[in-house]
Amino acid sequence: MLGIGRNLAYKLINEGKIKHFKINNRILIPKIRVIEFIIPEVQDER
């Protein structure tokens, strides 16, 4: 969805820039969190 590589995705997750949650060994990122990362104003309106 972002067009970035796996390493950069993990880096953004570890830095807390993209909110996520874990189920077992899987890291899941809801679509709204990706939108909030791309357009920070969306988070401000919530």
N, C-alpha and C. Protein backbone atom coordinates (compact mmCIF):
# COMPACT_ATOMS: atom_id res chain seq x y z
N MET A 1 0.83 -1.20 0.00
CA MET A 1 0.00 0.00 0.00
C MET A 1 0.87 1.26 0.00
N LEU A 2 1.99 1.22 0.72
CA LEU A 2 2.88 2.37 0.77
C LEU A 2 3.94 2.35 -0.31
N GLY A 3 4.19 1.18 -0.86
CA GLY A 3 5.23 1.05 -1.87
C GLY A 3 6.63 1.13 -1.28
N ILE A 4 6.78 0.64 -0.05
CA ILE A 4 8.09 0.64 0.60
C ILE A 4 8.54 -0.80 0.81
N GLY A 5 9.80 -0.98 1.10
CA GLY A 5 10.34 -2.31 1.34
C GLY A 5 10.05 -2.80 2.75
N ARG A 6 10.30 -4.07 2.95
CA ARG A 6 10.05 -4.70 4.25
C ARG A 6 10.93 -4.09 5.34
N ASN A 7 12.20 -3.81 5.03
CA ASN A 7 13.10 -3.25 6.04
C ASN A 7 12.62 -1.88 6.51
N LEU A 8 12.20 -1.04 5.59
CA LEU A 8 11.71 0.28 5.98
C LEU A 8 10.41 0.16 6.76
N ALA A 9 9.55 -0.77 6.37
CA ALA A 9 8.30 -0.98 7.10
C ALA A 9 8.58 -1.37 8.55
N TYR A 10 9.50 -2.32 8.75
CA TYR A 10 9.86 -2.72 10.11
C TYR A 10 10.48 -1.57 10.88
N LYS A 11 11.28 -0.76 10.22
CA LYS A 11 11.91 0.39 10.88
C LYS A 11 10.84 1.37 11.36
N LEU A 12 9.87 1.67 10.51
CA LEU A 12 8.80 2.60 10.89
C LEU A 12 7.97 2.04 12.04
N ILE A 13 7.72 0.74 12.02
CA ILE A 13 6.97 0.11 13.11
C ILE A 13 7.77 0.18 14.41
N ASN A 14 9.06 -0.16 14.36
CA ASN A 14 9.89 -0.15 15.57
C ASN A 14 10.08 1.25 16.13
N GLU A 15 10.07 2.26 15.28
CA GLU A 15 10.20 3.64 15.75
C GLU A 15 8.87 4.20 16.24
N GLY A 16 7.80 3.45 16.08
CA GLY A 16 6.49 3.89 16.56
C GLY A 16 5.80 4.87 15.63
N LYS A 17 6.26 4.97 14.42
CA LYS A 17 5.67 5.92 13.47
C LYS A 17 4.41 5.37 12.82
N ILE A 18 4.29 4.04 12.76
CA ILE A 18 3.07 3.41 12.26
C ILE A 18 2.55 2.54 13.39
N LYS A 19 1.32 2.81 13.81
CA LYS A 19 0.73 2.03 14.89
C LYS A 19 0.31 0.68 14.36
N HIS A 20 0.50 -0.35 15.18
CA HIS A 20 0.22 -1.72 14.77
C HIS A 20 -0.18 -2.54 15.98
N PHE A 21 -0.52 -3.78 15.74
CA PHE A 21 -0.71 -4.72 16.83
C PHE A 21 -0.24 -6.08 16.38
N LYS A 22 0.03 -6.93 17.36
CA LYS A 22 0.56 -8.26 17.06
C LYS A 22 -0.44 -9.34 17.48
N ILE A 23 -0.55 -10.34 16.62
CA ILE A 23 -1.28 -11.56 16.95
C ILE A 23 -0.32 -12.70 16.66
N ASN A 24 0.06 -13.40 17.72
CA ASN A 24 1.10 -14.42 17.63
C ASN A 24 2.36 -13.80 17.04
N ASN A 25 2.85 -14.29 15.92
CA ASN A 25 4.07 -13.75 15.31
C ASN A 25 3.78 -12.74 14.22
N ARG A 26 2.53 -12.43 13.98
CA ARG A 26 2.17 -11.54 12.88
C ARG A 26 2.03 -10.11 13.36
N ILE A 27 2.53 -9.17 12.57
CA ILE A 27 2.35 -7.76 12.81
C ILE A 27 1.26 -7.29 11.86
N LEU A 28 0.19 -6.75 12.43
CA LEU A 28 -0.93 -6.30 11.61
C LEU A 28 -1.09 -4.79 11.74
N ILE A 29 -1.32 -4.15 10.60
CA ILE A 29 -1.47 -2.70 10.56
C ILE A 29 -2.82 -2.39 9.93
N PRO A 30 -3.76 -1.85 10.72
CA PRO A 30 -5.05 -1.49 10.15
C PRO A 30 -4.90 -0.40 9.08
N LYS A 31 -5.76 -0.44 8.10
CA LYS A 31 -5.69 0.50 6.99
C LYS A 31 -5.75 1.96 7.47
N ILE A 32 -6.55 2.23 8.51
CA ILE A 32 -6.66 3.61 9.02
C ILE A 32 -5.32 4.09 9.56
N ARG A 33 -4.50 3.20 10.11
CA ARG A 33 -3.18 3.59 10.62
C ARG A 33 -2.24 3.98 9.49
N VAL A 34 -2.35 3.30 8.35
CA VAL A 34 -1.55 3.67 7.19
C VAL A 34 -1.98 5.04 6.69
N ILE A 35 -3.28 5.28 6.66
CA ILE A 35 -3.79 6.59 6.22
C ILE A 35 -3.32 7.67 7.17
N GLU A 36 -3.35 7.40 8.48
CA GLU A 36 -2.87 8.38 9.46
C GLU A 36 -1.38 8.67 9.27
N PHE A 37 -0.61 7.66 8.87
CA PHE A 37 0.82 7.87 8.64
C PHE A 37 1.03 8.76 7.42
N ILE A 38 0.25 8.54 6.37
CA ILE A 38 0.39 9.31 5.14
C ILE A 38 -0.12 10.73 5.32
N ILE A 39 -1.28 10.86 5.98
CA ILE A 39 -1.93 12.17 6.16
C ILE A 39 -2.11 12.38 7.66
N PRO A 40 -1.15 12.99 8.32
CA PRO A 40 -1.23 13.16 9.79
C PRO A 40 -2.46 13.95 10.27
N GLU A 41 -3.03 14.79 9.41
CA GLU A 41 -4.19 15.58 9.81
C GLU A 41 -5.39 14.70 10.11
N VAL A 42 -5.45 13.50 9.53
CA VAL A 42 -6.56 12.58 9.79
C VAL A 42 -6.58 12.23 11.26
N GLN A 43 -5.43 12.01 11.86
CA GLN A 43 -5.34 11.66 13.27
C GLN A 43 -5.78 12.84 14.14
N ASP A 44 -5.46 14.06 13.75
CA ASP A 44 -5.83 15.24 14.52
C ASP A 44 -7.34 15.43 14.58
N GLU A 45 -8.04 15.02 13.52
CA GLU A 45 -9.49 15.19 13.46
C GLU A 45 -10.23 14.17 14.31
N ARG A 46 -9.58 13.05 14.65
CA ARG A 46 -10.24 11.99 15.39
C ARG A 46 -10.29 12.29 16.84
